[in-house]
Amino acid sequence: MVKGVAMHKEQNCWARVTVFFALIIPAFVTAQSGEQKVDSLKAWKESAPERDEKIVRSRLAALGKKLRAGDTVAIESLMDIATGYQRTKLERIGALGLACGISNADSTDLIAHSLASAWKDSKRLTTSDERAKRIEGWELKKFVQYAIKRHCDSLQDSVDSGEINRLVVAMGLDLNDPSCDCRYELIRKQDVSQQVLRDQILTMIRSAPNEFAPLEFLEVLSRDDVVGVRSLVLENPESADRHWTAIRVLSHFGDSSILPQLRDWRGSENNRTQIGWLERSIWQIEIQNPPSDLLKCLAHPEAQQYESPNWFISRASDLLPSEDVTRAIREYLLRIGKGKILDGYTRETIETCMRLGIDIDSTLKEAGITWVNEE
């Protein structure tokens, strides 16, 4: 709970200092004196971190009137400021906002490159023996995460999106990263082959021992793809070394090869949280062996202790004949429709069917369920 409150306060802090940035963007494209612009940027770059909010806001407003769209020199200078050592949040966000405000498809890669460098610096600094450098590393990390989340649309519109794609992949799996939803979407939308995408996802899984891979990532993979991560589970028996991400991924695919190990761990585990994780993984594997057991989950999702229709339908569609899956979903929707109870399970069932292209239109009509696809 304390961690959640702290994250909420941190996100609110970042959100508050963006208000001014949002208000001054319309003025960015106004061209003024080039010499004044260069002098102002140089002075800012060479100055010490500015903690006086009024001075920073005044500086941002003055620069906003001098910059022109697509000015690569100005963008590079602004990103140097945004990622500079011990810069304040307002300085970072303001400089980033100005850079994104004047960038175009030809210059966005400069921003992506700067953020990628800042991410590498953050990884290096957070492992430093010096406390000040560790703090700076964490601040840079949060800044890059903020930048991806706040400017996701403009960053992915670059002529060559390779730089931003490499960055969002390098940032890995991190459910606590406020930019994770945006990053994961960018990864899924990359213009790369399915094999490259699978390799990227597997690399992210291997490098994050205590994370959750999103279902949309797992749907890109197959049972054969994840065989290579078995060793991360079977060769790390100690509680402190368990690779929970690999455990969750293999359990998702119903990989029975790790079931004896999971049962052994469950029998000797005293940590209640890890007991819950192990029981869930064991259940996921058992319910898929045989796969036909998933059909009762589709027909009665509300009766299941673990998982939801999104997962049941995804796994059943991968393992069972489509007519069997459709028949079980039809049984559920007819039962629910006649009772006129449309709860979260029903909505998720319908939305997942639409996402996966499962035709349930006639079933919805027969069940008397009116559904408007908001997409």
Protein backbone atom coordinates (compact mmCIF):
# COMPACT_ATOMS: atom_id res chain seq x y z
CA MET A 1 0.00 0.00 0.00
CA VAL A 2 2.84 2.39 0.86
CA LYS A 3 4.51 1.70 -2.48
CA GLY A 4 1.22 2.32 -4.30
CA VAL A 5 0.66 5.65 -2.53
CA ALA A 6 4.22 6.73 -3.26
CA MET A 7 3.86 5.90 -6.95
CA HIS A 8 0.55 7.80 -7.07
CA LYS A 9 2.16 10.88 -5.53
CA GLU A 10 5.12 10.61 -7.90
CA GLN A 11 2.85 10.40 -10.96
CA ASN A 12 0.80 13.35 -9.70
CA CYS A 13 3.99 15.36 -9.30
CA TRP A 14 5.01 14.65 -12.89
CA ALA A 15 1.49 15.44 -14.07
CA ARG A 16 1.37 18.83 -12.31
CA VAL A 17 4.57 20.10 -13.86
CA THR A 18 3.33 19.29 -17.35
CA VAL A 19 0.47 21.78 -17.19
CA PHE A 20 2.61 24.77 -18.10
CA PHE A 21 4.29 22.80 -20.91
CA ALA A 22 0.89 22.01 -22.44
CA LEU A 23 -0.12 25.65 -22.41
CA ILE A 24 2.90 27.02 -24.27
CA ILE A 25 3.16 24.49 -27.14
CA PRO A 26 1.05 26.60 -29.56
CA ALA A 27 3.74 29.27 -29.54
CA PHE A 28 6.62 26.92 -30.44
CA VAL A 29 6.57 27.31 -34.17
CA THR A 30 7.03 31.09 -34.13
CA ALA A 31 10.40 31.96 -35.68
CA GLN A 32 12.47 34.65 -33.97
CA SER A 33 16.08 35.71 -33.85
CA GLY A 34 18.40 32.75 -34.42
CA GLU A 35 21.23 34.32 -32.48
CA GLN A 36 19.05 34.97 -29.45
CA LYS A 37 17.82 31.40 -29.58
CA VAL A 38 21.33 29.96 -29.69
CA ASP A 39 22.49 32.24 -26.88
CA SER A 40 19.51 31.33 -24.71
CA LEU A 41 19.99 27.59 -25.22
CA LYS A 42 23.72 27.83 -24.62
CA ALA A 43 23.19 29.81 -21.45
CA TRP A 44 20.68 27.26 -20.18
CA LYS A 45 22.95 24.31 -21.01
CA GLU A 46 25.89 25.88 -19.22
CA SER A 47 23.92 26.98 -16.17
CA ALA A 48 23.51 25.03 -12.96
CA PRO A 49 20.24 23.17 -12.38
CA GLU A 50 17.55 25.79 -11.75
CA ARG A 51 15.20 25.12 -8.85
CA ASP A 52 13.35 28.41 -8.97
CA GLU A 53 10.10 27.54 -10.74
CA LYS A 54 9.42 31.11 -11.88
CA ILE A 55 12.81 31.36 -13.58
CA VAL A 56 12.33 28.04 -15.37
CA ARG A 57 8.86 28.99 -16.58
CA SER A 58 10.10 32.35 -17.79
CA ARG A 59 12.97 30.69 -19.63
CA LEU A 60 10.62 28.20 -21.29
CA ALA A 61 8.20 30.91 -22.36
CA ALA A 62 10.98 33.03 -23.86
CA LEU A 63 12.45 30.08 -25.78
CA GLY A 64 9.03 28.98 -26.98
CA LYS A 65 8.73 32.23 -28.92
CA LYS A 66 12.09 31.82 -30.66
CA LEU A 67 12.03 28.23 -31.88
CA ARG A 68 10.94 27.01 -35.29
CA ALA A 69 9.62 23.64 -36.40
CA GLY A 70 12.23 21.05 -37.37
CA ASP A 71 15.20 22.95 -35.87
CA THR A 72 17.56 20.03 -35.27
CA VAL A 73 20.22 22.12 -33.50
CA ALA A 74 17.66 23.40 -31.02
CA ILE A 75 16.20 19.91 -30.49
CA GLU A 76 19.63 18.45 -29.73
CA SER A 77 20.36 21.27 -27.27
CA LEU A 78 16.99 20.90 -25.57
CA MET A 79 17.47 17.15 -25.17
CA ASP A 80 20.96 17.74 -23.75
CA ILE A 81 19.27 19.92 -21.14
CA ALA A 82 16.44 17.47 -20.52
CA THR A 83 18.86 14.61 -19.86
CA GLY A 84 21.53 16.74 -18.17
CA TYR A 85 23.00 15.81 -14.82
CA GLN A 86 20.78 16.68 -11.83
CA ARG A 87 18.33 18.79 -13.83
CA THR A 88 15.03 19.46 -12.06
CA LYS A 89 11.77 17.84 -13.12
CA LEU A 90 10.40 21.07 -14.51
CA GLU A 91 13.57 21.66 -16.53
CA ARG A 92 13.50 18.12 -17.93
CA ILE A 93 9.82 18.16 -18.81
CA GLY A 94 9.92 21.70 -20.16
CA ALA A 95 12.92 21.05 -22.41
CA LEU A 96 11.42 17.77 -23.61
CA GLY A 97 8.11 19.49 -24.32
CA LEU A 98 9.79 22.19 -26.37
CA ALA A 99 11.80 19.59 -28.31
CA CYS A 100 8.73 17.48 -29.08
CA GLY A 101 6.73 20.59 -29.89
CA ILE A 102 9.05 21.65 -32.72
CA SER A 103 10.02 18.16 -33.93
CA ASN A 104 8.76 16.62 -37.15
CA ALA A 105 9.07 13.21 -38.77
CA ASP A 106 12.65 13.97 -39.85
CA SER A 107 13.89 15.09 -36.43
CA THR A 108 12.04 12.87 -33.96
CA ASP A 109 14.86 10.31 -34.04
CA LEU A 110 17.09 12.89 -32.34
CA ILE A 111 14.75 12.77 -29.36
CA ALA A 112 14.59 8.97 -29.42
CA HIS A 113 18.39 8.75 -29.57
CA SER A 114 18.76 11.10 -26.60
CA LEU A 115 16.23 9.11 -24.56
CA ALA A 116 18.04 5.87 -25.42
CA SER A 117 21.33 7.34 -24.19
CA ALA A 118 19.63 8.58 -21.03
CA TRP A 119 18.24 5.10 -20.41
CA LYS A 120 21.71 3.57 -20.68
CA ASP A 121 23.04 6.23 -18.31
CA SER A 122 20.26 5.47 -15.84
CA LYS A 123 21.17 1.77 -15.82
CA ARG A 124 24.81 2.61 -15.19
CA LEU A 125 24.15 5.23 -12.50
CA THR A 126 21.68 3.18 -10.46
CA THR A 127 24.41 0.60 -9.79
CA SER A 128 26.92 3.23 -8.63
CA ASP A 129 28.47 3.13 -5.17
CA GLU A 130 27.74 6.85 -4.81
CA ARG A 131 24.31 7.72 -3.46
CA ALA A 132 24.04 10.94 -5.50
CA LYS A 133 24.65 9.04 -8.73
CA ARG A 134 22.14 6.35 -7.80
CA ILE A 135 19.52 9.03 -7.19
CA GLU A 136 20.35 10.64 -10.54
CA GLY A 137 20.00 7.25 -12.20
CA TRP A 138 16.53 6.76 -10.77
CA GLU A 139 15.52 10.27 -11.81
CA LEU A 140 16.69 9.64 -15.38
CA LYS A 141 14.83 6.34 -15.45
CA LYS A 142 11.58 8.00 -14.35
CA PHE A 143 12.12 10.78 -16.87
CA VAL A 144 12.52 8.37 -19.81
CA GLN A 145 9.43 6.47 -18.70
CA TYR A 146 7.52 9.75 -18.50
CA ALA A 147 8.76 10.81 -21.94
CA ILE A 148 7.58 7.58 -23.59
CA LYS A 149 4.18 7.76 -21.94
CA ARG A 150 3.59 11.49 -22.54
CA HIS A 151 4.94 11.69 -26.11
CA CYS A 152 4.24 8.19 -27.39
CA ASP A 153 2.34 9.33 -30.48
CA SER A 154 4.91 11.84 -31.71
CA LEU A 155 7.85 9.50 -31.08
CA GLN A 156 6.40 6.64 -33.12
CA ASP A 157 5.74 8.95 -36.08
CA SER A 158 9.43 9.33 -36.91
CA VAL A 159 10.68 8.49 -40.40
CA ASP A 160 12.93 5.77 -38.98
CA SER A 161 11.28 4.37 -35.85
CA GLY A 162 14.13 1.89 -35.26
CA GLU A 163 15.68 3.97 -32.48
CA ILE A 164 12.50 4.26 -30.43
CA ASN A 165 11.69 0.59 -31.04
CA ARG A 166 15.08 -0.50 -29.73
CA LEU A 167 14.59 1.69 -26.67
CA VAL A 168 11.14 0.40 -25.72
CA VAL A 169 12.40 -3.17 -26.07
CA ALA A 170 15.51 -2.42 -24.01
CA MET A 171 13.30 -1.03 -21.23
CA GLY A 172 11.98 -4.57 -20.83
CA LEU A 173 9.05 -5.92 -18.85
CA ASP A 174 8.04 -3.68 -15.98
CA LEU A 175 4.46 -3.62 -14.72
CA ASN A 176 5.27 -0.68 -12.44
CA ASP A 177 6.52 1.43 -15.34
CA PRO A 178 3.82 4.04 -16.11
CA SER A 179 4.82 3.86 -19.77
CA CYS A 180 4.49 0.07 -20.06
CA ASP A 181 1.12 0.06 -21.84
CA CYS A 182 2.40 2.51 -24.46
CA ARG A 183 5.73 0.69 -24.82
CA TYR A 184 4.08 -2.70 -25.20
CA GLU A 185 1.81 -1.32 -27.89
CA LEU A 186 4.79 0.14 -29.76
CA ILE A 187 6.55 -3.22 -29.59
CA ARG A 188 3.53 -5.07 -30.98
CA LYS A 189 3.15 -2.55 -33.83
CA GLN A 190 6.77 -2.68 -35.01
CA ASP A 191 7.37 -3.25 -38.68
CA VAL A 192 9.44 -6.39 -38.10
CA SER A 193 9.06 -10.06 -38.89
CA GLN A 194 7.20 -12.32 -36.46
CA GLN A 195 10.45 -14.12 -35.70
CA VAL A 196 12.19 -10.88 -34.72
CA LEU A 197 9.22 -9.96 -32.53
CA ARG A 198 9.25 -13.38 -30.86
CA ASP A 199 12.99 -13.10 -30.19
CA GLN A 200 12.51 -9.65 -28.65
CA ILE A 201 9.74 -10.86 -26.36
CA LEU A 202 11.75 -13.89 -25.26
CA THR A 203 14.73 -11.65 -24.50
CA MET A 204 12.50 -9.42 -22.38
CA ILE A 205 11.18 -12.48 -20.53
CA ARG A 206 14.65 -13.84 -19.79
CA SER A 207 15.97 -10.51 -18.52
CA ALA A 208 13.10 -9.86 -16.06
CA PRO A 209 12.97 -12.57 -13.36
CA ASN A 210 10.03 -11.16 -11.43
CA GLU A 211 7.60 -9.64 -13.92
CA PHE A 212 4.41 -10.37 -15.84
CA ALA A 213 4.39 -10.73 -19.63
CA PRO A 214 1.18 -9.25 -21.11
CA LEU A 215 -1.23 -11.67 -22.74
CA GLU A 216 -0.80 -9.92 -26.11
CA PHE A 217 2.92 -10.79 -25.99
CA LEU A 218 2.25 -14.40 -25.06
CA GLU A 219 -0.20 -14.75 -27.94
CA VAL A 220 2.69 -14.01 -30.30
CA LEU A 221 4.59 -17.01 -28.91
CA SER A 222 3.94 -20.74 -29.06
CA ARG A 223 4.76 -23.67 -26.81
CA ASP A 224 7.77 -24.45 -28.98
CA ASP A 225 9.05 -20.86 -28.60
CA VAL A 226 9.14 -21.00 -24.80
CA VAL A 227 10.91 -24.35 -24.43
CA GLY A 228 14.17 -22.43 -24.16
CA VAL A 229 13.16 -20.75 -20.88
CA ARG A 230 12.56 -24.05 -19.04
CA SER A 231 16.12 -24.04 -17.76
CA LEU A 232 15.45 -20.76 -15.96
CA VAL A 233 12.94 -22.65 -13.82
CA LEU A 234 14.46 -26.11 -13.51
CA GLU A 235 18.03 -24.95 -12.87
CA ASN A 236 17.12 -22.35 -10.20
CA PRO A 237 15.45 -24.32 -7.39
CA GLU A 238 16.24 -21.93 -4.56
CA SER A 239 13.40 -19.65 -3.49
CA ALA A 240 15.46 -16.47 -3.83
CA ASP A 241 16.56 -17.41 -7.35
CA ARG A 242 13.23 -18.48 -8.83
CA HIS A 243 12.56 -16.94 -12.21
CA TRP A 244 8.90 -16.09 -11.70
CA THR A 245 8.48 -14.60 -15.16
CA ALA A 246 9.58 -17.85 -16.79
CA ILE A 247 7.35 -19.81 -14.39
CA ARG A 248 4.34 -17.69 -15.38
CA VAL A 249 5.09 -17.94 -19.08
CA LEU A 250 5.51 -21.73 -19.04
CA SER A 251 2.41 -22.10 -16.88
CA HIS A 252 0.46 -19.99 -19.35
CA PHE A 253 1.32 -22.51 -22.05
CA GLY A 254 0.48 -25.48 -19.81
CA ASP A 255 4.07 -26.79 -19.84
CA SER A 256 3.79 -29.91 -17.68
CA SER A 257 7.58 -30.40 -17.63
CA ILE A 258 7.85 -27.93 -14.74
CA LEU A 259 4.83 -29.28 -12.82
CA PRO A 260 6.79 -31.65 -10.52
CA GLN A 261 9.14 -28.79 -9.59
CA LEU A 262 6.24 -26.46 -8.85
CA ARG A 263 4.53 -29.07 -6.67
CA ASP A 264 7.77 -29.64 -4.72
CA TRP A 265 8.09 -25.92 -4.13
CA ARG A 266 4.45 -25.66 -3.08
CA GLY A 267 4.95 -28.42 -0.50
CA SER A 268 7.88 -26.68 1.16
CA GLU A 269 7.00 -22.99 0.70
CA ASN A 270 6.02 -20.88 3.72
CA ASN A 271 5.66 -17.47 2.06
CA ARG A 272 1.93 -16.91 1.54
CA THR A 273 2.43 -14.72 -1.52
CA GLN A 274 4.63 -17.27 -3.25
CA ILE A 275 2.24 -20.06 -2.26
CA GLY A 276 -0.50 -18.16 -4.11
CA TRP A 277 1.72 -17.73 -7.17
CA LEU A 278 2.63 -21.42 -7.20
CA GLU A 279 -0.96 -22.59 -6.79
CA ARG A 280 -2.07 -20.40 -9.66
CA SER A 281 0.71 -21.72 -11.93
CA ILE A 282 -0.07 -25.33 -10.99
CA TRP A 283 -3.75 -24.75 -11.77
CA GLN A 284 -2.96 -23.16 -15.15
CA ILE A 285 -0.93 -26.20 -16.18
CA GLU A 286 -3.42 -28.74 -14.89
CA ILE A 287 -6.45 -27.08 -16.54
CA GLN A 288 -4.70 -27.36 -19.94
CA ASN A 289 -3.82 -31.02 -19.58
CA PRO A 290 -6.03 -32.17 -21.20
CA PRO A 291 -6.97 -28.95 -23.05
CA SER A 292 -10.63 -29.99 -23.16
CA ASP A 293 -10.89 -28.98 -19.49
CA LEU A 294 -10.79 -25.38 -20.71
CA LEU A 295 -14.27 -25.82 -22.18
CA LYS A 296 -15.90 -25.88 -18.75
CA CYS A 297 -14.08 -22.62 -18.01
CA LEU A 298 -15.56 -21.08 -21.13
CA ALA A 299 -19.06 -22.25 -20.27
CA HIS A 300 -18.83 -21.23 -16.60
CA PRO A 301 -16.10 -18.57 -16.23
CA GLU A 302 -17.68 -17.13 -13.08
CA ALA A 303 -17.12 -20.44 -11.28
CA GLN A 304 -13.34 -20.42 -11.74
CA GLN A 305 -11.03 -19.33 -8.94
CA TYR A 306 -8.24 -18.25 -11.26
CA GLU A 307 -8.10 -16.31 -14.51
CA SER A 308 -10.88 -14.76 -16.58
CA PRO A 309 -12.58 -15.19 -20.00
CA ASN A 310 -9.77 -13.31 -21.74
CA TRP A 311 -7.27 -16.01 -20.74
CA PHE A 312 -9.66 -18.96 -21.12
CA ILE A 313 -10.65 -17.98 -24.65
CA SER A 314 -7.07 -17.19 -25.68
CA ARG A 315 -5.75 -20.57 -24.52
CA ALA A 316 -8.73 -22.56 -25.79
CA SER A 317 -8.48 -20.92 -29.21
CA ASP A 318 -4.82 -21.95 -29.37
CA LEU A 319 -5.37 -25.55 -28.28
CA LEU A 320 -8.87 -26.67 -29.33
CA PRO A 321 -10.99 -26.87 -32.49
CA SER A 322 -12.72 -23.56 -33.15
CA GLU A 323 -16.18 -25.17 -33.24
CA ASP A 324 -15.69 -26.54 -29.70
CA VAL A 325 -14.64 -23.13 -28.44
CA THR A 326 -17.57 -21.39 -30.12
CA ARG A 327 -20.01 -23.98 -28.76
CA ALA A 328 -18.84 -23.50 -25.15
CA ILE A 329 -18.99 -19.70 -25.46
CA ARG A 330 -22.48 -20.01 -26.96
CA GLU A 331 -23.60 -22.09 -23.98
CA TYR A 332 -22.38 -19.40 -21.60
CA LEU A 333 -23.89 -16.44 -23.47
CA LEU A 334 -27.29 -18.11 -23.86
CA ARG A 335 -27.38 -18.91 -20.15
CA ILE A 336 -26.39 -15.38 -19.15
CA GLY A 337 -28.58 -13.69 -21.76
CA LYS A 338 -31.70 -15.48 -20.59
CA GLY A 339 -30.99 -14.32 -17.06
CA LYS A 340 -30.52 -10.74 -18.28
CA ILE A 341 -27.34 -10.40 -16.23
CA LEU A 342 -24.48 -8.78 -18.15
CA ASP A 343 -21.57 -8.65 -15.75
CA GLY A 344 -17.83 -8.20 -16.19
CA TYR A 345 -17.39 -11.80 -17.32
CA THR A 346 -19.93 -11.28 -20.10
CA ARG A 347 -18.37 -8.07 -21.32
CA GLU A 348 -14.88 -9.58 -21.29
CA THR A 349 -16.11 -12.66 -23.13
CA ILE A 350 -17.67 -10.59 -25.91
CA GLU A 351 -14.70 -8.21 -26.18
CA THR A 352 -12.21 -11.10 -26.33
CA CYS A 353 -14.23 -12.88 -29.02
CA MET A 354 -14.22 -9.72 -31.10
CA ARG A 355 -10.49 -9.23 -30.55
CA LEU A 356 -9.72 -12.77 -31.67
CA GLY A 357 -12.21 -12.78 -34.55
CA ILE A 358 -14.59 -15.36 -33.06
CA ASP A 359 -18.01 -14.90 -34.66
CA ILE A 360 -20.69 -14.69 -31.96
CA ASP A 361 -23.12 -12.28 -33.66
CA SER A 362 -25.86 -14.88 -34.11
CA THR A 363 -25.40 -16.10 -30.53
CA LEU A 364 -25.74 -12.57 -29.15
CA LYS A 365 -28.94 -12.10 -31.14
CA GLU A 366 -30.33 -15.43 -29.96
CA ALA A 367 -29.45 -14.61 -26.36
CA GLY A 368 -31.10 -11.20 -26.61
CA ILE A 369 -27.86 -9.40 -25.84
CA THR A 370 -27.45 -5.98 -27.45
CA TRP A 371 -23.79 -5.09 -27.89
CA VAL A 372 -22.30 -2.01 -29.48
CA ASN A 373 -18.68 -2.37 -30.56
CA GLU A 374 -17.15 0.94 -29.43
CA GLU A 375 -14.03 0.37 -31.55
